[in-house]
Amino acid sequence: MADARESFIVECLEDAFSDLMQADPDAFRTKFRKMAAEPFAFYRGSACVFYADVADREDRWADERTGRVWIQGDLHAENFGTYMDGSGMLIFDVNDFDEAFVGHFTWDLQRFAASVALMCWQKALSDSVIRDLIAAFTRSYLDQVAWFRQTEDDSTFSLNLDTARGAVLAALQDARLSTRYELLHRTTHVDGADRRFREFSGVRRLDEAEYDKVNAAFAAYQETIPKSKKFREIAYDVKDIVGRTGFGIGSAGLPSYNVLIEGFNQALDNDIVLSMKQANVAAPSRVVDDEAVHKYFKHHGHRTAVSQRALQAHADPLLGYTEVDGIGYVVAELSPYESDLDWSELTEPDELTEVIEQLGRAVAKVHCVGDADSDQELVGFQTEDAIAELIGDRADEFVDDIVEFGLDYAKTVREDHRHFVEAFREGRIRGVTSA
């Protein structure tokens, strides 16, 4: 049985990443070493295994509507953070949409619940405490869904400097201290009378042919920005383009470029850095067999941008998509206002409860609120109504189901981590070796 589970894990990873592993085995060697460090790191990098598992489970909370809503797709404790939204407000929220797709709303809650159980197990908290934390998250989520049913303007809710508490508020206050100048100084320098990218580890200069190709892709990207979000034309003047390598666990092997553009005027202190990154295949898409959903997207860059607009109240005005060599890329600003929670400093149940209750509300927000400029047509109903009507007076049952899933699946992941480490170190994952 143990060998069968190892084979299942290896097959999932090879099926999900074989093309990228072949293109950049060194990046995946680094990715897999990071995943080998601890069960939570393995969980972060193995969403494909999670979806292969949940696709085989009966989900009594998914019907023709709740099984077909916009989801973040890789919801774990470290995929939350701060950003400046399109209205100019600092927000704490879900901040990664690389795996976003249309699927069961429960998949987001289950994936987050298991991540809480894994993280808290590593903090040596008891199962009783973990149960209470997952229950607090789920009840907070349901309370916020109910709130959205009662208000006409969904966008009035967010975790911001006025509404956040504890460690979430501290993250927002930390982000507020950041400046665009600091980001520009770290990544660029003034060369003569204009600004260019610095050359350091992970940055590569492009030859003329590649530069022209990426520049053309950037021009095409500008046509994907909603008209209401467009800046004046001067803002999109390209100053420099470089290739980038060295992303984290989730983006290993994905080609990427940074594009330096003029900004809001010709002053050097408000130039903008954009990321143009090859979009990955969303993990939920591997188990969703709805042909209408798959056909809706031109490519995964389009899917990422459309999904983010569908999941955020005020999406990045620079968010868009393009193609390079016929492959989809997503384009977004590298924001100077990003700050993550420091989970290592959260050790006591009351501290964790305060944070996790707020995250439950943030997840309800991404499920129930979309950008006014979202051009999606896949979900034509109010998600909050669909969820509330299905659950009805069975909230306690629903909470119990999410709690049990989180605890049970965390145990599975801890065993899966051991299988993965043995398979990797013994060279049983084709396409990448541990040496």
Protein backbone atom coordinates (compact mmCIF):
# COMPACT_ATOMS: atom_id res chain seq x y z
CA MET A 1 0.00 0.00 0.00
CA ALA A 2 2.86 2.40 0.85
CA ASP A 3 4.48 1.73 -2.52
CA ALA A 4 1.14 2.34 -4.25
CA ARG A 5 0.75 5.72 -2.54
CA GLU A 6 4.30 6.71 -3.47
CA SER A 7 3.61 5.77 -7.08
CA PHE A 8 0.41 7.82 -7.01
CA ILE A 9 2.27 10.90 -5.70
CA VAL A 10 5.06 10.52 -8.26
CA GLU A 11 2.57 10.09 -11.11
CA CYS A 12 0.69 13.23 -10.05
CA LEU A 13 3.90 15.29 -9.92
CA GLU A 14 5.18 13.94 -13.23
CA ASP A 15 1.85 14.50 -14.94
CA ALA A 16 1.65 18.08 -13.64
CA PHE A 17 5.24 19.16 -14.16
CA SER A 18 6.92 16.93 -16.76
CA ASP A 19 7.15 19.64 -19.44
CA LEU A 20 8.52 22.21 -17.02
CA MET A 21 10.91 19.68 -15.46
CA GLN A 22 12.27 18.86 -18.89
CA ALA A 23 12.72 22.55 -19.71
CA ASP A 24 14.41 23.46 -16.40
CA PRO A 25 15.40 20.46 -14.24
CA ASP A 26 17.59 22.63 -12.01
CA ALA A 27 14.61 24.78 -11.02
CA PHE A 28 12.68 21.67 -10.03
CA ARG A 29 15.59 20.24 -8.12
CA THR A 30 15.50 23.42 -6.04
CA LYS A 31 11.68 23.28 -5.80
CA PHE A 32 11.72 19.65 -4.64
CA ARG A 33 14.46 20.30 -2.08
CA LYS A 34 12.31 23.07 -0.60
CA MET A 35 9.29 20.74 -0.59
CA ALA A 36 11.36 18.07 1.17
CA ALA A 37 12.10 20.37 4.10
CA GLU A 38 8.77 19.89 5.92
CA PRO A 39 5.21 18.62 5.35
CA PHE A 40 3.79 22.13 4.94
CA ALA A 41 6.31 22.98 2.22
CA PHE A 42 5.46 19.73 0.44
CA TYR A 43 1.76 20.61 0.67
CA ARG A 44 2.35 24.06 -0.85
CA GLY A 45 4.07 22.55 -3.88
CA SER A 46 1.77 19.58 -4.46
CA ALA A 47 -1.68 21.01 -5.19
CA CYS A 48 -1.94 18.48 -8.02
CA VAL A 49 -1.94 15.65 -5.45
CA PHE A 50 -4.62 17.37 -3.38
CA TYR A 51 -6.94 17.72 -6.38
CA ALA A 52 -6.37 14.17 -7.51
CA ASP A 53 -7.51 13.11 -4.03
CA VAL A 54 -10.55 15.39 -3.61
CA ALA A 55 -11.80 14.66 -7.12
CA ASP A 56 -12.41 11.07 -5.99
CA ARG A 57 -14.32 12.08 -2.85
CA GLU A 58 -18.06 12.59 -2.69
CA ASP A 59 -18.85 16.24 -1.96
CA ARG A 60 -22.36 16.64 -0.56
CA TRP A 61 -21.90 20.43 -0.48
CA ALA A 62 -21.41 20.76 -4.24
CA ASP A 63 -24.45 21.09 -6.50
CA GLU A 64 -24.95 22.58 -9.96
CA ARG A 65 -24.11 26.04 -8.57
CA THR A 66 -21.79 25.59 -5.57
CA GLY A 67 -19.74 23.12 -7.60
CA ARG A 68 -19.17 25.75 -10.27
CA VAL A 69 -17.94 28.97 -8.63
CA TRP A 70 -14.73 30.98 -8.88
CA ILE A 71 -12.13 29.59 -6.47
CA GLN A 72 -8.60 30.66 -5.60
CA GLY A 73 -7.44 27.10 -6.24
CA ASP A 74 -4.42 26.88 -3.91
CA LEU A 75 -5.72 28.26 -0.66
CA HIS A 76 -3.22 27.70 2.12
CA ALA A 77 -2.10 29.79 5.07
CA GLU A 78 0.78 31.47 3.20
CA ASN A 79 -1.27 32.65 0.22
CA PHE A 80 -2.57 35.72 2.05
CA GLY A 81 -0.96 39.12 2.25
CA THR A 82 -1.27 42.83 1.58
CA TYR A 83 -1.64 44.69 -1.68
CA MET A 84 -2.76 48.10 -2.93
CA ASP A 85 -6.07 47.60 -4.68
CA GLY A 86 -7.28 49.41 -7.77
CA SER A 87 -9.07 52.04 -5.66
CA GLY A 88 -5.86 52.98 -3.83
CA MET A 89 -6.68 51.20 -0.56
CA LEU A 90 -4.27 48.91 1.25
CA ILE A 91 -5.98 45.52 1.60
CA PHE A 92 -5.16 42.25 3.36
CA ASP A 93 -6.56 39.39 1.34
CA VAL A 94 -5.85 36.34 -0.77
CA ASN A 95 -2.94 37.47 -2.93
CA ASP A 96 -2.05 34.62 -5.30
CA PHE A 97 -4.28 33.64 -8.22
CA ASP A 98 -1.97 31.39 -10.27
CA GLU A 99 -4.20 28.35 -9.62
CA ALA A 100 -7.58 30.12 -9.78
CA PHE A 101 -10.33 28.34 -11.68
CA VAL A 102 -14.01 27.41 -11.53
CA GLY A 103 -14.82 24.52 -9.20
CA HIS A 104 -16.26 23.44 -5.84
CA PHE A 105 -16.24 26.24 -3.26
CA THR A 106 -15.46 23.57 -0.67
CA TRP A 107 -12.09 22.85 -2.29
CA ASP A 108 -10.75 26.22 -1.12
CA LEU A 109 -12.03 25.67 2.42
CA GLN A 110 -10.74 22.10 2.59
CA ARG A 111 -7.30 23.05 1.29
CA PHE A 112 -7.02 25.87 3.78
CA ALA A 113 -8.27 23.70 6.66
CA ALA A 114 -5.60 21.08 5.98
CA SER A 115 -2.94 23.79 5.81
CA VAL A 116 -4.00 25.07 9.24
CA ALA A 117 -3.79 21.54 10.63
CA LEU A 118 -0.31 21.04 9.15
CA MET A 119 0.99 24.39 10.34
CA CYS A 120 -0.40 23.96 13.85
CA TRP A 121 0.89 20.40 14.09
CA GLN A 122 4.36 21.83 13.43
CA LYS A 123 3.70 24.28 16.27
CA ALA A 124 2.90 21.26 18.52
CA LEU A 125 -0.70 22.34 19.09
CA SER A 126 -3.20 19.65 20.05
CA ASP A 127 -5.89 18.26 17.78
CA SER A 128 -8.47 19.87 20.07
CA VAL A 129 -6.96 23.32 19.47
CA ILE A 130 -6.68 22.64 15.73
CA ARG A 131 -10.35 21.64 15.61
CA ASP A 132 -11.31 24.91 17.27
CA LEU A 133 -9.19 26.94 14.85
CA ILE A 134 -10.62 25.31 11.72
CA ALA A 135 -14.14 25.66 13.15
CA ALA A 136 -13.50 29.36 13.85
CA PHE A 137 -12.31 29.84 10.26
CA THR A 138 -15.33 28.08 8.78
CA ARG A 139 -17.93 29.83 10.96
CA SER A 140 -16.34 33.18 10.18
CA TYR A 141 -16.55 32.32 6.48
CA LEU A 142 -20.25 31.45 6.77
CA ASP A 143 -20.98 34.61 8.78
CA GLN A 144 -19.39 36.73 6.06
CA VAL A 145 -21.29 34.90 3.31
CA ALA A 146 -24.51 35.71 5.19
CA TRP A 147 -23.41 39.36 5.45
CA PHE A 148 -22.92 39.57 1.69
CA ARG A 149 -26.51 38.36 1.20
CA GLN A 150 -27.78 41.28 3.28
CA THR A 151 -25.87 44.14 1.65
CA GLU A 152 -26.37 45.73 -1.74
CA ASP A 153 -22.77 46.93 -2.15
CA ASP A 154 -20.49 43.92 -1.68
CA SER A 155 -17.35 46.01 -2.18
CA THR A 156 -17.86 47.88 1.11
CA PHE A 157 -16.18 45.02 3.02
CA SER A 158 -12.44 44.47 3.16
CA LEU A 159 -9.69 43.87 5.68
CA ASN A 160 -7.97 47.24 5.70
CA LEU A 161 -6.25 49.67 8.08
CA ASP A 162 -9.61 50.51 9.68
CA THR A 163 -11.09 47.02 10.02
CA ALA A 164 -8.16 44.62 10.54
CA ARG A 165 -6.92 43.46 13.95
CA GLY A 166 -3.80 41.97 15.48
CA ALA A 167 -1.19 40.46 13.19
CA VAL A 168 -3.26 41.26 10.09
CA LEU A 169 -3.29 44.95 11.03
CA ALA A 170 0.47 44.79 11.73
CA ALA A 171 1.07 43.43 8.21
CA LEU A 172 -0.95 46.30 6.73
CA GLN A 173 0.93 48.87 8.80
CA ASP A 174 4.23 47.36 7.68
CA ALA A 175 3.15 47.53 4.03
CA ARG A 176 2.13 51.17 4.48
CA LEU A 177 5.73 52.04 5.37
CA SER A 178 6.98 50.73 2.02
CA THR A 179 7.63 53.09 -0.87
CA ARG A 180 7.86 52.81 -4.62
CA TYR A 181 11.31 54.39 -4.39
CA GLU A 182 12.60 51.48 -2.29
CA LEU A 183 11.44 48.93 -4.89
CA LEU A 184 12.92 50.97 -7.73
CA HIS A 185 16.21 51.46 -5.89
CA ARG A 186 16.46 47.73 -5.18
CA THR A 187 15.75 46.58 -8.74
CA THR A 188 16.84 49.47 -10.97
CA HIS A 189 19.39 52.29 -11.27
CA VAL A 190 19.56 55.58 -13.13
CA ASP A 191 21.78 55.17 -16.18
CA GLY A 192 22.54 58.57 -17.68
CA ALA A 193 19.22 60.41 -17.79
CA ASP A 194 16.91 57.41 -17.47
CA ARG A 195 16.27 54.31 -15.41
CA ARG A 196 17.27 50.72 -16.25
CA PHE A 197 17.21 47.38 -14.43
CA ARG A 198 20.14 46.45 -12.25
CA GLU A 199 22.06 43.29 -13.10
CA PHE A 200 22.15 40.80 -10.24
CA SER A 201 21.49 37.13 -9.56
CA GLY A 202 18.34 35.91 -11.30
CA VAL A 203 18.36 38.68 -13.93
CA ARG A 204 19.49 38.13 -17.52
CA ARG A 205 19.87 40.55 -20.39
CA LEU A 206 17.95 39.76 -23.57
CA ASP A 207 19.41 39.72 -27.06
CA GLU A 208 17.80 42.01 -29.64
CA ALA A 209 15.49 39.36 -31.09
CA GLU A 210 14.10 38.27 -27.70
CA TYR A 211 13.76 41.87 -26.54
CA ASP A 212 11.74 42.77 -29.63
CA LYS A 213 9.54 39.69 -29.19
CA VAL A 214 8.76 40.50 -25.55
CA ASN A 215 8.22 44.17 -26.39
CA ALA A 216 5.66 43.15 -29.02
CA ALA A 217 3.94 40.91 -26.46
CA PHE A 218 3.82 43.88 -24.07
CA ALA A 219 2.14 46.00 -26.74
CA ALA A 220 -0.48 43.26 -27.22
CA TYR A 221 -1.01 43.07 -23.44
CA GLN A 222 -2.13 46.71 -23.36
CA GLU A 223 -5.21 45.77 -25.39
CA THR A 224 -6.33 43.42 -22.58
CA ILE A 225 -6.65 46.16 -19.94
CA PRO A 226 -10.28 47.24 -19.38
CA LYS A 227 -10.86 50.74 -20.78
CA SER A 228 -11.97 52.06 -17.41
CA LYS A 229 -8.61 51.08 -15.88
CA LYS A 230 -6.36 52.47 -18.65
CA PHE A 231 -3.80 55.10 -17.73
CA ARG A 232 -2.67 57.81 -20.12
CA GLU A 233 -0.61 56.43 -23.00
CA ILE A 234 2.64 57.81 -21.61
CA ALA A 235 2.36 55.37 -18.69
CA TYR A 236 3.07 52.35 -20.88
CA ASP A 237 6.30 53.54 -22.51
CA VAL A 238 8.85 50.75 -22.09
CA LYS A 239 12.23 51.69 -20.62
CA ASP A 240 13.85 48.28 -20.17
CA ILE A 241 13.10 44.53 -20.23
CA VAL A 242 15.02 41.69 -18.57
CA GLY A 243 14.50 37.96 -18.10
CA ARG A 244 13.97 36.62 -14.59
CA THR A 245 14.61 33.31 -12.86
CA GLY A 246 14.45 32.09 -9.29
CA PHE A 247 10.80 32.02 -8.27
CA GLY A 248 9.43 30.17 -5.29
CA ILE A 249 7.93 26.74 -4.81
CA GLY A 250 4.82 27.40 -6.88
CA SER A 251 6.42 28.99 -9.95
CA ALA A 252 9.50 26.83 -10.50
CA GLY A 253 10.51 26.50 -14.13
CA LEU A 254 8.09 29.16 -15.44
CA PRO A 255 9.82 31.67 -17.74
CA SER A 256 9.36 35.28 -16.70
CA TYR A 257 10.29 38.82 -17.67
CA ASN A 258 10.31 42.12 -15.82
CA VAL A 259 9.25 45.20 -17.78
CA LEU A 260 10.13 48.72 -16.61
CA ILE A 261 7.64 51.32 -17.82
CA GLU A 262 7.31 55.08 -17.55
CA GLY A 263 4.63 55.34 -14.89
CA PHE A 264 2.15 58.15 -14.42
CA ASN A 265 4.43 60.91 -15.73
CA GLN A 266 8.02 61.37 -16.89
CA ALA A 267 9.47 61.80 -13.40
CA LEU A 268 11.92 59.01 -12.54
CA ASP A 269 10.57 58.39 -9.06
CA ASN A 270 7.25 56.83 -10.10
CA ASP A 271 8.36 54.35 -12.77
CA ILE A 272 6.57 51.00 -12.57
CA VAL A 273 7.94 47.46 -12.67
CA LEU A 274 5.70 44.80 -14.20
CA SER A 275 6.02 41.04 -14.10
CA MET A 276 5.26 39.16 -17.32
CA LYS A 277 5.19 35.51 -16.24
CA GLN A 278 4.28 32.36 -18.14
CA ALA A 279 1.06 31.15 -16.59
CA ASN A 280 0.91 27.61 -15.24
CA VAL A 281 -1.80 25.01 -15.71
CA ALA A 282 -4.21 25.56 -12.82
CA ALA A 283 -4.25 22.53 -10.52
CA PRO A 284 -8.10 22.40 -10.27
CA SER A 285 -8.35 22.39 -14.06
CA ARG A 286 -6.85 18.90 -14.08
CA VAL A 287 -9.93 17.44 -12.38
CA VAL A 288 -12.72 19.73 -13.64
CA ASP A 289 -14.34 18.06 -16.67
CA ASP A 290 -16.70 20.92 -17.58
CA GLU A 291 -15.89 21.53 -21.24
CA ALA A 292 -17.56 24.96 -21.23
CA VAL A 293 -15.16 26.14 -18.54
CA HIS A 294 -12.07 24.88 -20.35
CA LYS A 295 -13.15 26.37 -23.68
CA TYR A 296 -13.83 29.76 -22.13
CA PHE A 297 -10.14 30.61 -21.70
CA LYS A 298 -7.82 31.53 -24.57
CA HIS A 299 -4.82 30.29 -22.59
CA HIS A 300 -3.65 30.16 -18.98
CA GLY A 301 -2.51 33.80 -18.98
CA HIS A 302 -6.05 34.79 -19.92
CA ARG A 303 -7.43 32.38 -17.33
CA THR A 304 -5.28 33.86 -14.55
CA ALA A 305 -6.21 37.47 -15.34
CA VAL A 306 -9.93 36.76 -15.76
CA SER A 307 -9.98 34.71 -12.56
CA GLN A 308 -8.24 37.41 -10.53
CA ARG A 309 -10.73 40.03 -11.69
CA ALA A 310 -13.56 37.64 -10.80
CA LEU A 311 -12.13 37.14 -7.30
CA GLN A 312 -11.11 40.68 -6.35
CA ALA A 313 -13.31 43.71 -5.70
CA HIS A 314 -10.82 46.19 -7.17
CA ALA A 315 -8.20 44.35 -9.20
CA ASP A 316 -4.78 45.73 -10.16
CA PRO A 317 -5.41 48.25 -12.97
CA LEU A 318 -2.27 46.94 -14.69
CA LEU A 319 -3.47 43.32 -14.66
CA GLY A 320 -3.69 41.75 -18.11
CA TYR A 321 -2.38 38.96 -20.30
CA THR A 322 -0.47 38.31 -23.50
CA GLU A 323 1.33 35.59 -25.47
CA VAL A 324 4.99 34.85 -26.13
CA ASP A 325 5.67 32.19 -28.77
CA GLY A 326 2.00 31.20 -28.60
CA ILE A 327 2.12 30.57 -24.82
CA GLY A 328 -0.04 32.51 -22.35
CA TYR A 329 1.57 34.99 -19.95
CA VAL A 330 -0.03 36.99 -17.15
CA VAL A 331 1.07 40.60 -16.59
CA ALA A 332 0.77 42.47 -13.28
CA GLU A 333 2.58 45.12 -11.30
CA LEU A 334 5.36 44.13 -8.92
CA SER A 335 3.87 46.09 -6.08
CA PRO A 336 6.01 47.75 -3.40
CA TYR A 337 3.12 47.39 -0.96
CA GLU A 338 3.19 43.64 -0.40
CA SER A 339 3.69 42.28 3.09
CA ASP A 340 3.03 38.76 4.38
CA LEU A 341 1.98 37.48 7.77
CA ASP A 342 4.81 36.26 9.96
CA TRP A 343 3.24 32.97 11.04
CA SER A 344 6.36 32.05 13.04
CA GLU A 345 5.45 34.75 15.57
CA LEU A 346 1.92 33.37 16.02
CA THR A 347 2.18 30.57 18.53
CA GLU A 348 -0.73 30.85 20.97
CA PRO A 349 -4.31 29.72 20.17
CA ASP A 350 -5.86 33.13 20.90
CA GLU A 351 -3.41 34.87 18.52
CA LEU A 352 -4.06 32.31 15.82
CA THR A 353 -7.83 32.48 16.30
CA GLU A 354 -7.85 36.25 15.82
CA VAL A 355 -5.98 35.89 12.52
CA ILE A 356 -7.79 32.83 11.20
CA GLU A 357 -11.25 34.32 11.83
CA GLN A 358 -10.23 37.28 9.66
CA LEU A 359 -8.95 34.95 6.95
CA GLY A 360 -12.35 33.22 6.91
CA ARG A 361 -13.94 36.56 6.09
CA ALA A 362 -11.32 37.25 3.43
CA VAL A 363 -12.06 33.92 1.72
CA ALA A 364 -15.80 34.67 1.72
CA LYS A 365 -14.97 38.00 0.10
CA VAL A 366 -13.07 36.47 -2.82
CA HIS A 367 -15.84 33.93 -3.37
CA CYS A 368 -18.65 36.47 -3.26
CA VAL A 369 -17.22 39.72 -4.67
CA GLY A 370 -15.95 40.39 -8.19
CA ASP A 371 -14.39 43.42 -9.84
CA ALA A 372 -16.91 45.64 -11.62
CA ASP A 373 -14.68 45.36 -14.71
CA SER A 374 -14.55 41.58 -14.59
CA ASP A 375 -15.40 40.30 -18.04
CA GLN A 376 -16.26 36.78 -16.89
CA GLU A 377 -19.52 35.14 -17.94
CA LEU A 378 -19.00 31.66 -16.51
CA VAL A 379 -20.66 32.22 -13.14
CA GLY A 380 -24.00 33.90 -13.70
CA PHE A 381 -25.44 33.77 -10.18
CA GLN A 382 -24.72 35.20 -6.73
CA THR A 383 -22.29 32.82 -5.05
CA GLU A 384 -23.41 33.86 -1.57
CA ASP A 385 -27.00 32.88 -2.38
CA ALA A 386 -25.95 29.51 -3.79
CA ILE A 387 -23.84 28.65 -0.72
CA ALA A 388 -26.33 29.86 1.87
CA GLU A 389 -29.29 28.15 0.22
CA LEU A 390 -27.47 24.82 -0.04
CA ILE A 391 -26.22 24.80 3.55
CA GLY A 392 -29.46 26.16 5.00
CA ASP A 393 -29.80 25.17 8.66
CA ARG A 394 -26.97 22.60 8.43
CA ALA A 395 -24.14 25.00 9.37
CA ASP A 396 -22.95 22.77 12.21
CA GLU A 397 -22.75 19.77 9.87
CA PHE A 398 -20.83 21.82 7.34
CA VAL A 399 -18.35 23.07 9.95
CA ASP A 400 -17.84 19.52 11.24
CA ASP A 401 -17.14 18.26 7.72
CA ILE A 402 -14.47 20.92 7.06
CA VAL A 403 -12.87 20.28 10.46
CA GLU A 404 -12.71 16.52 9.94
CA PHE A 405 -11.34 16.91 6.43
CA GLY A 406 -8.60 19.27 7.64
CA LEU A 407 -7.39 16.94 10.39
CA ASP A 408 -7.64 13.75 8.32
CA TYR A 409 -6.00 15.17 5.22
CA ALA A 410 -3.16 16.71 7.23
CA LYS A 411 -2.30 13.21 8.46
CA THR A 412 -2.29 12.03 4.84
CA VAL A 413 0.03 14.87 3.84
CA ARG A 414 2.50 14.06 6.60
CA GLU A 415 2.73 10.52 5.29
CA ASP A 416 2.83 11.76 1.69
CA HIS A 417 5.76 14.01 2.59
CA ARG A 418 7.72 10.98 3.78
CA HIS A 419 6.89 9.10 0.55
CA PHE A 420 7.91 12.11 -1.53
CA VAL A 421 11.26 12.53 0.22
CA GLU A 422 12.13 8.87 -0.28
CA ALA A 423 11.07 8.94 -3.95
CA PHE A 424 13.06 12.12 -4.62
CA ARG A 425 16.24 11.11 -2.83
CA GLU A 426 16.23 7.69 -4.52
CA GLY A 427 15.72 9.19 -8.00
CA ARG A 428 12.27 7.75 -8.57
CA ILE A 429 10.79 11.01 -9.96
CA ARG A 430 11.56 11.04 -13.67
CA GLY A 431 12.91 14.27 -15.09
CA VAL A 432 14.74 15.52 -12.01
CA THR A 433 17.27 13.94 -9.65
CA SER A 434 18.25 14.89 -6.11
CA ALA A 435 21.96 15.00 -6.96
